[in-house]
Amino acid sequence: MHERVRFIGELGKRILFVDFSSCSARQVEEIARKLPDLVMLEPRNSVLLLVDFTGASFDLDAIRTMKESAVFDKPYIKKSAWLGAKAVPQEFQEEIKSFSGRELPAFKTRQEAVTWLVQE
């Protein structure tokens, strides 16, 4: 597994943490491209996903790859939460949400995001 994509234990739950923080647009694209292969190994509707975009950069290729990954991942994702969403231009956020048909709530702190993710 890529060092920026790993399962972590938080509040007794297993969460897939995707760390895009301080990544270039190319790195974002490379990481996003690998996500479906990992997520699709998990049972459907089981993955709690935490994504950190703090300080990341984006271009059209990175956004396209993120949109495609979000569509492939959708059946496997139970809940997802974003950190550092201000790094993602608003029009790109809306494009990803619309294209994937997923809700992608953003949180200010990791603790807020984790607490929300583990709530049943």
PDB file of N, CA and C in Angstrom:
ATOM      1  N   MET A   1       0.847  -1.185   0.000  1.00  0.00           N
ATOM      2  CA  MET A   1       0.000   0.000   0.000  1.00  0.00           C
ATOM      3  C   MET A   1       0.890   1.245   0.000  1.00  0.00           C
ATOM      4  N   HIS A   2       0.501   2.231  -0.709  1.00  0.00           N
ATOM      5  CA  HIS A   2       1.219   3.498  -0.783  1.00  0.00           C
ATOM      6  C   HIS A   2       1.305   4.113   0.611  1.00  0.00           C
ATOM      7  N   GLU A   3       2.440   4.773   0.942  1.00  0.00           N
ATOM      8  CA  GLU A   3       2.580   5.348   2.286  1.00  0.00           C
ATOM      9  C   GLU A   3       1.551   6.429   2.591  1.00  0.00           C
ATOM     10  N   ARG A   4       0.949   7.007   1.571  1.00  0.00           N
ATOM     11  CA  ARG A   4      -0.061   8.035   1.783  1.00  0.00           C
ATOM     12  C   ARG A   4      -1.477   7.470   1.823  1.00  0.00           C
ATOM     13  N   VAL A   5      -1.598   6.178   1.665  1.00  0.00           N
ATOM     14  CA  VAL A   5      -2.902   5.516   1.729  1.00  0.00           C
ATOM     15  C   VAL A   5      -2.753   4.334   2.672  1.00  0.00           C
ATOM     16  N   ARG A   6      -3.437   4.419   3.816  1.00  0.00           N
ATOM     17  CA  ARG A   6      -3.283   3.346   4.797  1.00  0.00           C
ATOM     18  C   ARG A   6      -4.512   3.285   5.706  1.00  0.00           C
ATOM     19  N   PHE A   7      -4.714   2.115   6.261  1.00  0.00           N
ATOM     20  CA  PHE A   7      -5.782   1.969   7.247  1.00  0.00           C
ATOM     21  C   PHE A   7      -5.239   2.381   8.606  1.00  0.00           C
ATOM     22  N   ILE A   8      -6.049   3.127   9.334  1.00  0.00           N
ATOM     23  CA  ILE A   8      -5.697   3.563  10.685  1.00  0.00           C
ATOM     24  C   ILE A   8      -6.815   3.137  11.627  1.00  0.00           C
ATOM     25  N   GLY A   9      -6.488   2.979  12.880  1.00  0.00           N
ATOM     26  CA  GLY A   9      -7.486   2.689  13.900  1.00  0.00           C
ATOM     27  C   GLY A   9      -7.807   3.956  14.657  1.00  0.00           C
ATOM     28  N   GLU A  10      -9.058   4.312  14.685  1.00  0.00           N
ATOM     29  CA  GLU A  10      -9.520   5.504  15.398  1.00  0.00           C
ATOM     30  C   GLU A  10     -10.827   5.183  16.100  1.00  0.00           C
ATOM     31  N   LEU A  11     -10.877   5.439  17.405  1.00  0.00           N
ATOM     32  CA  LEU A  11     -12.084   5.244  18.199  1.00  0.00           C
ATOM     33  C   LEU A  11     -12.674   3.847  17.994  1.00  0.00           C
ATOM     34  N   GLY A  12     -11.795   2.858  17.882  1.00  0.00           N
ATOM     35  CA  GLY A  12     -12.227   1.474  17.748  1.00  0.00           C
ATOM     36  C   GLY A  12     -12.689   1.071  16.366  1.00  0.00           C
ATOM     37  N   LYS A  13     -12.503   1.926  15.385  1.00  0.00           N
ATOM     38  CA  LYS A  13     -12.928   1.638  14.007  1.00  0.00           C
ATOM     39  C   LYS A  13     -11.714   1.656  13.079  1.00  0.00           C
ATOM     40  N   ARG A  14     -11.863   0.979  11.971  1.00  0.00           N
ATOM     41  CA  ARG A  14     -10.838   0.937  10.926  1.00  0.00           C
ATOM     42  C   ARG A  14     -11.222   1.969   9.867  1.00  0.00           C
ATOM     43  N   ILE A  15     -10.319   2.928   9.631  1.00  0.00           N
ATOM     44  CA  ILE A  15     -10.573   4.024   8.707  1.00  0.00           C
ATOM     45  C   ILE A  15      -9.473   4.037   7.648  1.00  0.00           C
ATOM     46  N   LEU A  16      -9.881   4.166   6.388  1.00  0.00           N
ATOM     47  CA  LEU A  16      -8.913   4.311   5.313  1.00  0.00           C
ATOM     48  C   LEU A  16      -8.545   5.788   5.231  1.00  0.00           C
ATOM     49  N   PHE A  17      -7.271   6.077   5.498  1.00  0.00           N
ATOM     50  CA  PHE A  17      -6.774   7.450   5.490  1.00  0.00           C
ATOM     51  C   PHE A  17      -6.004   7.691   4.200  1.00  0.00           C
ATOM     52  N   VAL A  18      -6.432   8.700   3.452  1.00  0.00           N
ATOM     53  CA  VAL A  18      -5.762   9.095   2.219  1.00  0.00           C
ATOM     54  C   VAL A  18      -5.170  10.477   2.460  1.00  0.00           C
ATOM     55  N   ASP A  19      -3.847  10.546   2.419  1.00  0.00           N
ATOM     56  CA  ASP A  19      -3.129  11.771   2.754  1.00  0.00           C
ATOM     57  C   ASP A  19      -2.613  12.462   1.495  1.00  0.00           C
ATOM     58  N   PHE A  20      -3.402  13.415   0.990  1.00  0.00           N
ATOM     59  CA  PHE A  20      -2.989  14.219  -0.154  1.00  0.00           C
ATOM     60  C   PHE A  20      -2.279  15.494   0.311  1.00  0.00           C
ATOM     61  N   SER A  21      -2.098  15.672   1.610  1.00  0.00           N
ATOM     62  CA  SER A  21      -1.563  16.934   2.125  1.00  0.00           C
ATOM     63  C   SER A  21      -0.214  17.258   1.493  1.00  0.00           C
ATOM     64  N   SER A  22      -0.096  18.506   1.058  1.00  0.00           N
ATOM     65  CA  SER A  22       1.123  19.046   0.444  1.00  0.00           C
ATOM     66  C   SER A  22       1.566  18.304  -0.816  1.00  0.00           C
ATOM     67  N   CYS A  23       0.660  17.611  -1.467  1.00  0.00           N
ATOM     68  CA  CYS A  23       0.991  16.896  -2.705  1.00  0.00           C
ATOM     69  C   CYS A  23       0.860  17.812  -3.916  1.00  0.00           C
ATOM     70  N   SER A  24       1.678  17.539  -4.917  1.00  0.00           N
ATOM     71  CA  SER A  24       1.539  18.208  -6.204  1.00  0.00           C
ATOM     72  C   SER A  24       0.320  17.616  -6.915  1.00  0.00           C
ATOM     73  N   ALA A  25      -0.133  18.272  -7.969  1.00  0.00           N
ATOM     74  CA  ALA A  25      -1.273  17.765  -8.735  1.00  0.00           C
ATOM     75  C   ALA A  25      -0.963  16.377  -9.289  1.00  0.00           C
ATOM     76  N   ARG A  26       0.257  16.162  -9.726  1.00  0.00           N
ATOM     77  CA  ARG A  26       0.634  14.849 -10.268  1.00  0.00           C
ATOM     78  C   ARG A  26       0.567  13.775  -9.184  1.00  0.00           C
ATOM     79  N   GLN A  27       1.050  14.100  -7.975  1.00  0.00           N
ATOM     80  CA  GLN A  27       0.978  13.138  -6.870  1.00  0.00           C
ATOM     81  C   GLN A  27      -0.469  12.830  -6.516  1.00  0.00           C
ATOM     82  N   VAL A  28      -1.329  13.858  -6.495  1.00  0.00           N
ATOM     83  CA  VAL A  28      -2.746  13.651  -6.216  1.00  0.00           C
ATOM     84  C   VAL A  28      -3.322  12.668  -7.231  1.00  0.00           C
ATOM     85  N   GLU A  29      -3.007  12.877  -8.494  1.00  0.00           N
ATOM     86  CA  GLU A  29      -3.504  11.992  -9.543  1.00  0.00           C
ATOM     87  C   GLU A  29      -3.005  10.560  -9.345  1.00  0.00           C
ATOM     88  N   GLU A  30      -1.724  10.386  -9.046  1.00  0.00           N
ATOM     89  CA  GLU A  30      -1.151   9.045  -8.856  1.00  0.00           C
ATOM     90  C   GLU A  30      -1.807   8.313  -7.688  1.00  0.00           C
ATOM     91  N   ILE A  31      -1.993   9.015  -6.586  1.00  0.00           N
ATOM     92  CA  ILE A  31      -2.606   8.401  -5.395  1.00  0.00           C
ATOM     93  C   ILE A  31      -4.064   8.046  -5.686  1.00  0.00           C
ATOM     94  N   ALA A  32      -4.800   8.987  -6.280  1.00  0.00           N
ATOM     95  CA  ALA A  32      -6.221   8.756  -6.574  1.00  0.00           C
ATOM     96  C   ALA A  32      -6.407   7.583  -7.528  1.00  0.00           C
ATOM     97  N   ARG A  33      -5.487   7.399  -8.440  1.00  0.00           N
ATOM     98  CA  ARG A  33      -5.583   6.311  -9.404  1.00  0.00           C
ATOM     99  C   ARG A  33      -5.488   4.936  -8.712  1.00  0.00           C
ATOM    100  N   LYS A  34      -4.779   4.860  -7.599  1.00  0.00           N
ATOM    101  CA  LYS A  34      -4.580   3.590  -6.893  1.00  0.00           C
ATOM    102  C   LYS A  34      -5.731   3.237  -5.950  1.00  0.00           C
ATOM    103  N   LEU A  35      -6.535   4.204  -5.591  1.00  0.00           N
ATOM    104  CA  LEU A  35      -7.579   3.983  -4.590  1.00  0.00           C
ATOM    105  C   LEU A  35      -8.607   2.906  -4.939  1.00  0.00           C
ATOM    106  N   PRO A  36      -9.166   2.898  -6.136  1.00  0.00           N
ATOM    107  CA  PRO A  36     -10.194   1.884  -6.414  1.00  0.00           C
ATOM    108  C   PRO A  36      -9.706   0.450  -6.210  1.00  0.00           C
ATOM    109  N   ASP A  37      -8.475   0.160  -6.607  1.00  0.00           N
ATOM    110  CA  ASP A  37      -7.950  -1.200  -6.441  1.00  0.00           C
ATOM    111  C   ASP A  37      -7.922  -1.613  -4.976  1.00  0.00           C
ATOM    112  N   LEU A  38      -7.603  -0.689  -4.107  1.00  0.00           N
ATOM    113  CA  LEU A  38      -7.561  -0.985  -2.674  1.00  0.00           C
ATOM    114  C   LEU A  38      -8.966  -1.063  -2.083  1.00  0.00           C
ATOM    115  N   VAL A  39      -9.785  -0.088  -2.387  1.00  0.00           N
ATOM    116  CA  VAL A  39     -11.129  -0.021  -1.820  1.00  0.00           C
ATOM    117  C   VAL A  39     -11.979  -1.205  -2.263  1.00  0.00           C
ATOM    118  N   MET A  40     -11.826  -1.633  -3.503  1.00  0.00           N
ATOM    119  CA  MET A  40     -12.659  -2.721  -4.013  1.00  0.00           C
ATOM    120  C   MET A  40     -12.290  -4.088  -3.429  1.00  0.00           C
ATOM    121  N   LEU A  41     -11.245  -4.150  -2.626  1.00  0.00           N
ATOM    122  CA  LEU A  41     -10.909  -5.377  -1.904  1.00  0.00           C
ATOM    123  C   LEU A  41     -11.747  -5.528  -0.638  1.00  0.00           C
ATOM    124  N   GLU A  42     -12.384  -4.461  -0.228  1.00  0.00           N
ATOM    125  CA  GLU A  42     -13.172  -4.427   1.005  1.00  0.00           C
ATOM    126  C   GLU A  42     -14.630  -4.784   0.698  1.00  0.00           C
ATOM    127  N   PRO A  43     -15.364  -5.209   1.725  1.00  0.00           N
ATOM    128  CA  PRO A  43     -16.794  -5.488   1.511  1.00  0.00           C
ATOM    129  C   PRO A  43     -17.543  -4.217   1.103  1.00  0.00           C
ATOM    130  N   ARG A  44     -18.595  -4.405   0.321  1.00  0.00           N
ATOM    131  CA  ARG A  44     -19.418  -3.272  -0.098  1.00  0.00           C
ATOM    132  C   ARG A  44     -19.998  -2.545   1.122  1.00  0.00           C
ATOM    133  N   ASN A  45     -20.097  -1.221   0.991  1.00  0.00           N
ATOM    134  CA  ASN A  45     -20.679  -0.369   2.027  1.00  0.00           C
ATOM    135  C   ASN A  45     -20.001  -0.533   3.390  1.00  0.00           C
ATOM    136  N   SER A  46     -18.670  -0.690   3.389  1.00  0.00           N
ATOM    137  CA  SER A  46     -17.972  -0.917   4.652  1.00  0.00           C
ATOM    138  C   SER A  46     -16.859   0.083   4.937  1.00  0.00           C
ATOM    139  N   VAL A  47     -16.354   0.779   3.942  1.00  0.00           N
ATOM    140  CA  VAL A  47     -15.162   1.602   4.113  1.00  0.00           C
ATOM    141  C   VAL A  47     -15.506   2.975   4.679  1.00  0.00           C
ATOM    142  N   LEU A  48     -14.831   3.303   5.770  1.00  0.00           N
ATOM    143  CA  LEU A  48     -14.877   4.655   6.324  1.00  0.00           C
ATOM    144  C   LEU A  48     -13.652   5.359   5.760  1.00  0.00           C
ATOM    145  N   LEU A  49     -13.845   6.448   5.037  1.00  0.00           N
ATOM    146  CA  LEU A  49     -12.777   7.095   4.288  1.00  0.00           C
ATOM    147  C   LEU A  49     -12.521   8.498   4.816  1.00  0.00           C
ATOM    148  N   LEU A  50     -11.279   8.766   5.171  1.00  0.00           N
ATOM    149  CA  LEU A  50     -10.851  10.082   5.626  1.00  0.00           C
ATOM    150  C   LEU A  50      -9.786  10.584   4.661  1.00  0.00           C
ATOM    151  N   VAL A  51     -10.030  11.739   4.036  1.00  0.00           N
ATOM    152  CA  VAL A  51      -9.121  12.286   3.038  1.00  0.00           C
ATOM    153  C   VAL A  51      -8.652  13.663   3.492  1.00  0.00           C
ATOM    154  N   ASP A  52      -7.324  13.855   3.479  1.00  0.00           N
ATOM    155  CA  ASP A  52      -6.744  15.141   3.880  1.00  0.00           C
ATOM    156  C   ASP A  52      -6.156  15.836   2.652  1.00  0.00           C
ATOM    157  N   PHE A  53      -6.732  16.984   2.285  1.00  0.00           N
ATOM    158  CA  PHE A  53      -6.293  17.760   1.133  1.00  0.00           C
ATOM    159  C   PHE A  53      -5.456  18.983   1.522  1.00  0.00           C
ATOM    160  N   THR A  54      -5.123  19.132   2.785  1.00  0.00           N
ATOM    161  CA  THR A  54      -4.434  20.323   3.264  1.00  0.00           C
ATOM    162  C   THR A  54      -3.172  20.607   2.448  1.00  0.00           C
ATOM    163  N   GLY A  55      -3.139  21.776   1.829  1.00  0.00           N
ATOM    164  CA  GLY A  55      -1.957  22.201   1.082  1.00  0.00           C
ATOM    165  C   GLY A  55      -1.711  21.478  -0.227  1.00  0.00           C
ATOM    166  N   ALA A  56      -2.674  20.698  -0.700  1.00  0.00           N
ATOM    167  CA  ALA A  56      -2.505  19.969  -1.961  1.00  0.00           C
ATOM    168  C   ALA A  56      -2.755  20.892  -3.153  1.00  0.00           C
ATOM    169  N   SER A  57      -2.206  20.496  -4.302  1.00  0.00           N
ATOM    170  CA  SER A  57      -2.417  21.222  -5.553  1.00  0.00           C
ATOM    171  C   SER A  57      -3.221  20.343  -6.502  1.00  0.00           C
ATOM    172  N   PHE A  58      -3.934  20.993  -7.421  1.00  0.00           N
ATOM    173  CA  PHE A  58      -4.817  20.271  -8.339  1.00  0.00           C
ATOM    174  C   PHE A  58      -4.705  20.837  -9.737  1.00  0.00           C
ATOM    175  N   ASP A  59      -4.897  19.965 -10.714  1.00  0.00           N
ATOM    176  CA  ASP A  59      -5.063  20.385 -12.093  1.00  0.00           C
ATOM    177  C   ASP A  59      -6.211  19.556 -12.660  1.00  0.00           C
ATOM    178  N   LEU A  60      -6.520  19.760 -13.922  1.00  0.00           N
ATOM    179  CA  LEU A  60      -7.664  19.061 -14.509  1.00  0.00           C
ATOM    180  C   LEU A  60      -7.488  17.543 -14.510  1.00  0.00           C
ATOM    181  N   ASP A  61      -6.269  17.055 -14.734  1.00  0.00           N
ATOM    182  CA  ASP A  61      -6.029  15.605 -14.716  1.00  0.00           C
ATOM    183  C   ASP A  61      -6.245  15.022 -13.320  1.00  0.00           C
ATOM    184  N   ALA A  62      -5.786  15.723 -12.292  1.00  0.00           N
ATOM    185  CA  ALA A  62      -5.970  15.247 -10.920  1.00  0.00           C
ATOM    186  C   ALA A  62      -7.458  15.195 -10.579  1.00  0.00           C
ATOM    187  N   ILE A  63      -8.194  16.226 -10.948  1.00  0.00           N
ATOM    188  CA  ILE A  63      -9.628  16.261 -10.654  1.00  0.00           C
ATOM    189  C   ILE A  63     -10.355  15.162 -11.416  1.00  0.00           C
ATOM    190  N   ARG A  64     -10.021  14.965 -12.685  1.00  0.00           N
ATOM    191  CA  ARG A  64     -10.645  13.899 -13.474  1.00  0.00           C
ATOM    192  C   ARG A  64     -10.404  12.534 -12.822  1.00  0.00           C
ATOM    193  N   THR A  65      -9.191  12.284 -12.388  1.00  0.00           N
ATOM    194  CA  THR A  65      -8.877  11.006 -11.759  1.00  0.00           C
ATOM    195  C   THR A  65      -9.612  10.856 -10.434  1.00  0.00           C
ATOM    196  N   MET A  66      -9.722  11.935  -9.669  1.00  0.00           N
ATOM    197  CA  MET A  66     -10.467  11.879  -8.408  1.00  0.00           C
ATOM    198  C   MET A  66     -11.940  11.580  -8.669  1.00  0.00           C
ATOM    199  N   LYS A  67     -12.517  12.190  -9.689  1.00  0.00           N
ATOM    200  CA  LYS A  67     -13.920  11.936 -10.042  1.00  0.00           C
ATOM    201  C   LYS A  67     -14.116  10.469 -10.412  1.00  0.00           C
ATOM    202  N   GLU A  68     -13.241   9.955 -11.246  1.00  0.00           N
ATOM    203  CA  GLU A  68     -13.360   8.564 -11.673  1.00  0.00           C
ATOM    204  C   GLU A  68     -13.206   7.606 -10.500  1.00  0.00           C
ATOM    205  N   SER A  69     -12.237   7.865  -9.634  1.00  0.00           N
ATOM    206  CA  SER A  69     -12.032   7.014  -8.455  1.00  0.00           C
ATOM    207  C   SER A  69     -13.250   7.046  -7.548  1.00  0.00           C
ATOM    208  N   ALA A  70     -13.832   8.220  -7.365  1.00  0.00           N
ATOM    209  CA  ALA A  70     -15.005   8.348  -6.500  1.00  0.00           C
ATOM    210  C   ALA A  70     -16.177   7.536  -7.020  1.00  0.00           C
ATOM    211  N   VAL A  71     -16.318   7.439  -8.332  1.00  0.00           N
ATOM    212  CA  VAL A  71     -17.398   6.639  -8.922  1.00  0.00           C
ATOM    213  C   VAL A  71     -17.150   5.154  -8.681  1.00  0.00           C
ATOM    214  N   PHE A  72     -15.925   4.688  -8.943  1.00  0.00           N
ATOM    215  CA  PHE A  72     -15.601   3.273  -8.746  1.00  0.00           C
ATOM    216  C   PHE A  72     -15.703   2.871  -7.281  1.00  0.00           C
ATOM    217  N   ASP A  73     -15.325   3.781  -6.383  1.00  0.00           N
ATOM    218  CA  ASP A  73     -15.325   3.501  -4.940  1.00  0.00           C
ATOM    219  C   ASP A  73     -16.713   3.500  -4.329  1.00  0.00           C
ATOM    220  N   LYS A  74     -17.642   4.206  -4.932  1.00  0.00           N
ATOM    221  CA  LYS A  74     -18.945   4.470  -4.314  1.00  0.00           C
ATOM    222  C   LYS A  74     -19.613   3.254  -3.672  1.00  0.00           C
ATOM    223  N   PRO A  75     -19.696   2.092  -4.324  1.00  0.00           N
ATOM    224  CA  PRO A  75     -20.386   0.961  -3.689  1.00  0.00           C
ATOM    225  C   PRO A  75     -19.704   0.439  -2.421  1.00  0.00           C
ATOM    226  N   TYR A  76     -18.454   0.785  -2.228  1.00  0.00           N
ATOM    227  CA  TYR A  76     -17.675   0.256  -1.109  1.00  0.00           C
ATOM    228  C   TYR A  76     -17.569   1.233   0.058  1.00  0.00           C
ATOM    229  N   ILE A  77     -17.882   2.482  -0.197  1.00  0.00           N
ATOM    230  CA  ILE A  77     -17.734   3.527   0.815  1.00  0.00           C
ATOM    231  C   ILE A  77     -18.995   3.631   1.662  1.00  0.00           C
ATOM    232  N   LYS A  78     -18.820   3.485   2.961  1.00  0.00           N
ATOM    233  CA  LYS A  78     -19.933   3.670   3.890  1.00  0.00           C
ATOM    234  C   LYS A  78     -20.101   5.155   4.198  1.00  0.00           C
ATOM    235  N   LYS A  79     -18.989   5.811   4.523  1.00  0.00           N
ATOM    236  CA  LYS A  79     -18.983   7.240   4.812  1.00  0.00           C
ATOM    237  C   LYS A  79     -17.614   7.788   4.429  1.00  0.00           C
ATOM    238  N   SER A  80     -17.596   9.046   4.032  1.00  0.00           N
ATOM    239  CA  SER A  80     -16.320   9.683   3.755  1.00  0.00           C
ATOM    240  C   SER A  80     -16.327  11.088   4.332  1.00  0.00           C
ATOM    241  N   ALA A  81     -15.133  11.562   4.687  1.00  0.00           N
ATOM    242  CA  ALA A  81     -14.981  12.896   5.253  1.00  0.00           C
ATOM    243  C   ALA A  81     -13.717  13.521   4.682  1.00  0.00           C
ATOM    244  N   TRP A  82     -13.794  14.816   4.425  1.00  0.00           N
ATOM    245  CA  TRP A  82     -12.661  15.558   3.881  1.00  0.00           C
ATOM    246  C   TRP A  82     -12.106  16.516   4.922  1.00  0.00           C
ATOM    247  N   LEU A  83     -10.790  16.618   4.936  1.00  0.00           N
ATOM    248  CA  LEU A  83     -10.069  17.636   5.701  1.00  0.00           C
ATOM    249  C   LEU A  83      -9.362  18.539   4.696  1.00  0.00           C
ATOM    250  N   GLY A  84      -9.178  19.797   5.049  1.00  0.00           N
ATOM    251  CA  GLY A  84      -8.449  20.706   4.168  1.00  0.00           C
ATOM    252  C   GLY A  84      -9.134  20.937   2.840  1.00  0.00           C
ATOM    253  N   ALA A  85     -10.446  20.867   2.832  1.00  0.00           N
ATOM    254  CA  ALA A  85     -11.199  20.992   1.581  1.00  0.00           C
ATOM    255  C   ALA A  85     -11.022  22.357   0.925  1.00  0.00           C
ATOM    256  N   LYS A  86     -10.584  23.353   1.684  1.00  0.00           N
ATOM    257  CA  LYS A  86     -10.367  24.674   1.093  1.00  0.00           C
ATOM    258  C   LYS A  86      -9.283  24.632   0.024  1.00  0.00           C
ATOM    259  N   ALA A  87      -8.430  23.597   0.077  1.00  0.00           N
ATOM    260  CA  ALA A  87      -7.387  23.444  -0.948  1.00  0.00           C
ATOM    261  C   ALA A  87      -7.991  23.051  -2.290  1.00  0.00           C
ATOM    262  N   VAL A  88      -9.188  22.455  -2.256  1.00  0.00           N
ATOM    263  CA  VAL A  88      -9.857  22.013  -3.483  1.00  0.00           C
ATOM    264  C   VAL A  88     -10.793  23.137  -3.927  1.00  0.00           C
ATOM    265  N   PRO A  89     -10.545  23.719  -5.100  1.00  0.00           N
ATOM    266  CA  PRO A  89     -11.435  24.794  -5.555  1.00  0.00           C
ATOM    267  C   PRO A  89     -12.902  24.359  -5.523  1.00  0.00           C
ATOM    268  N   GLN A  90     -13.780  25.260  -5.101  1.00  0.00           N
ATOM    269  CA  GLN A  90     -15.196  24.957  -4.916  1.00  0.00           C
ATOM    270  C   GLN A  90     -15.832  24.327  -6.150  1.00  0.00           C
ATOM    271  N   GLU A  91     -15.497  24.842  -7.339  1.00  0.00           N
ATOM    272  CA  GLU A  91     -16.092  24.277  -8.556  1.00  0.00           C
ATOM    273  C   GLU A  91     -15.655  22.826  -8.764  1.00  0.00           C
ATOM    274  N   PHE A  92     -14.429  22.473  -8.353  1.00  0.00           N
ATOM    275  CA  PHE A  92     -13.966  21.095  -8.450  1.00  0.00           C
ATOM    276  C   PHE A  92     -14.685  20.215  -7.434  1.00  0.00           C
ATOM    277  N   GLN A  93     -14.911  20.749  -6.223  1.00  0.00           N
ATOM    278  CA  GLN A  93     -15.648  19.983  -5.213  1.00  0.00           C
ATOM    279  C   GLN A  93     -17.038  19.626  -5.736  1.00  0.00           C
ATOM    280  N   GLU A  94     -17.717  20.613  -6.287  1.00  0.00           N
ATOM    281  CA  GLU A  94     -19.061  20.382  -6.799  1.00  0.00           C
ATOM    282  C   GLU A  94     -19.051  19.397  -7.964  1.00  0.00           C
ATOM    283  N   GLU A  95     -18.039  19.507  -8.807  1.00  0.00           N
ATOM    284  CA  GLU A  95     -17.912  18.603  -9.948  1.00  0.00           C
ATOM    285  C   GLU A  95     -17.710  17.159  -9.468  1.00  0.00           C
ATOM    286  N   ILE A  96     -16.869  16.960  -8.469  1.00  0.00           N
ATOM    287  CA  ILE A  96     -16.613  15.615  -7.942  1.00  0.00           C
ATOM    288  C   ILE A  96     -17.887  15.057  -7.304  1.00  0.00           C
ATOM    289  N   LYS A  97     -18.570  15.864  -6.503  1.00  0.00           N
ATOM    290  CA  LYS A  97     -19.817  15.425  -5.860  1.00  0.00           C
ATOM    291  C   LYS A  97     -20.866  15.048  -6.895  1.00  0.00           C
ATOM    292  N   SER A  98     -21.043  15.903  -7.884  1.00  0.00           N
ATOM    293  CA  SER A  98     -22.055  15.667  -8.908  1.00  0.00           C
ATOM    294  C   SER A  98     -21.728  14.430  -9.738  1.00  0.00           C
ATOM    295  N   PHE A  99     -20.510  14.308 -10.171  1.00  0.00           N
ATOM    296  CA  PHE A  99     -20.096  13.198 -11.022  1.00  0.00           C
ATOM    297  C   PHE A  99     -20.194  11.864 -10.297  1.00  0.00           C
ATOM    298  N   SER A 100     -19.792  11.856  -9.013  1.00  0.00           N
ATOM    299  CA  SER A 100     -19.756  10.606  -8.258  1.00  0.00           C
ATOM    300  C   SER A 100     -21.079  10.258  -7.593  1.00  0.00           C
ATOM    301  N   GLY A 101     -21.947  11.264  -7.398  1.00  0.00           N
ATOM    302  CA  GLY A 101     -23.201  11.022  -6.700  1.00  0.00           C
ATOM    303  C   GLY A 101     -23.001  10.729  -5.224  1.00  0.00           C
ATOM    304  N   ARG A 102     -21.890  11.215  -4.669  1.00  0.00           N
ATOM    305  CA  ARG A 102     -21.577  10.998  -3.254  1.00  0.00           C
ATOM    306  C   ARG A 102     -21.593  12.313  -2.498  1.00  0.00           C
ATOM    307  N   GLU A 103     -21.956  12.214  -1.222  1.00  0.00           N
ATOM    308  CA  GLU A 103     -21.819  13.357  -0.333  1.00  0.00           C
ATOM    309  C   GLU A 103     -20.390  13.340   0.194  1.00  0.00           C
ATOM    310  N   LEU A 104     -19.764  14.504   0.246  1.00  0.00           N
ATOM    311  CA  LEU A 104     -18.376  14.593   0.678  1.00  0.00           C
ATOM    312  C   LEU A 104     -18.246  15.710   1.716  1.00  0.00           C
ATOM    313  N   PRO A 105     -18.711  15.459   2.935  1.00  0.00           N
ATOM    314  CA  PRO A 105     -18.678  16.511   3.948  1.00  0.00           C
ATOM    315  C   PRO A 105     -17.243  16.885   4.335  1.00  0.00           C
ATOM    316  N   ALA A 106     -17.047  18.172   4.570  1.00  0.00           N
ATOM    317  CA  ALA A 106     -15.735  18.695   4.949  1.00  0.00           C
ATOM    318  C   ALA A 106     -15.739  19.090   6.418  1.00  0.00           C
ATOM    319  N   PHE A 107     -14.615  18.856   7.068  1.00  0.00           N
ATOM    320  CA  PHE A 107     -14.464  19.157   8.490  1.00  0.00           C
ATOM    321  C   PHE A 107     -13.213  19.993   8.709  1.00  0.00           C
ATOM    322  N   LYS A 108     -13.219  20.767   9.789  1.00  0.00           N
ATOM    323  CA  LYS A 108     -12.089  21.637  10.092  1.00  0.00           C
ATOM    324  C   LYS A 108     -10.953  20.885  10.780  1.00  0.00           C
ATOM    325  N   THR A 109     -11.295  19.876  11.579  1.00  0.00           N
ATOM    326  CA  THR A 109     -10.249  19.145  12.300  1.00  0.00           C
ATOM    327  C   THR A 109     -10.375  17.645  12.052  1.00  0.00           C
ATOM    328  N   ARG A 110      -9.261  16.969  12.230  1.00  0.00           N
ATOM    329  CA  ARG A 110      -9.256  15.516  12.067  1.00  0.00           C
ATOM    330  C   ARG A 110     -10.177  14.866  13.095  1.00  0.00           C
ATOM    331  N   GLN A 111     -10.155  15.374  14.322  1.00  0.00           N
ATOM    332  CA  GLN A 111     -10.987  14.785  15.369  1.00  0.00           C
ATOM    333  C   GLN A 111     -12.466  14.904  15.039  1.00  0.00           C
ATOM    334  N   GLU A 112     -12.901  16.050  14.525  1.00  0.00           N
ATOM    335  CA  GLU A 112     -14.301  16.214  14.118  1.00  0.00           C
ATOM    336  C   GLU A 112     -14.664  15.207  13.021  1.00  0.00           C
ATOM    337  N   ALA A 113     -13.772  15.068  12.058  1.00  0.00           N
ATOM    338  CA  ALA A 113     -14.026  14.143  10.942  1.00  0.00           C
ATOM    339  C   ALA A 113     -14.118  12.703  11.426  1.00  0.00           C
ATOM    340  N   VAL A 114     -13.182  12.304  12.271  1.00  0.00           N
ATOM    341  CA  VAL A 114     -13.164  10.923  12.786  1.00  0.00           C
ATOM    342  C   VAL A 114     -14.405  10.655  13.624  1.00  0.00           C
ATOM    343  N   THR A 115     -14.754  11.588  14.483  1.00  0.00           N
ATOM    344  CA  THR A 115     -15.942  11.415  15.326  1.00  0.00           C
ATOM    345  C   THR A 115     -17.180  11.235  14.456  1.00  0.00           C
ATOM    346  N   TRP A 116     -17.310  12.032  13.404  1.00  0.00           N
ATOM    347  CA  TRP A 116     -18.447  11.897  12.500  1.00  0.00           C
ATOM    348  C   TRP A 116     -18.414  10.554  11.768  1.00  0.00           C
ATOM    349  N   LEU A 117     -17.237  10.160  11.292  1.00  0.00           N
ATOM    350  CA  LEU A 117     -17.123   8.902  10.545  1.00  0.00           C
ATOM    351  C   LEU A 117     -17.558   7.673  11.364  1.00  0.00           C
ATOM    352  N   VAL A 118     -17.195   7.641  12.626  1.00  0.00           N
ATOM    353  CA  VAL A 118     -17.460   6.438  13.426  1.00  0.00           C
ATOM    354  C   VAL A 118     -18.857   6.403  14.012  1.00  0.00           C
ATOM    355  N   GLN A 119     -19.610   7.493  13.906  1.00  0.00           N
ATOM    356  CA  GLN A 119     -20.998   7.494  14.385  1.00  0.00           C
ATOM    357  C   GLN A 119     -21.830   6.586  13.486  1.00  0.00           C
ATOM    358  N   GLU A 120     -22.663   5.781  14.102  1.00  0.00           N
ATOM    359  CA  GLU A 120     -23.529   4.874  13.309  1.00  0.00           C
ATOM    360  C   GLU A 120     -24.771   5.586  12.872  1.00  0.00           C
TER     361      GLU A 120
END
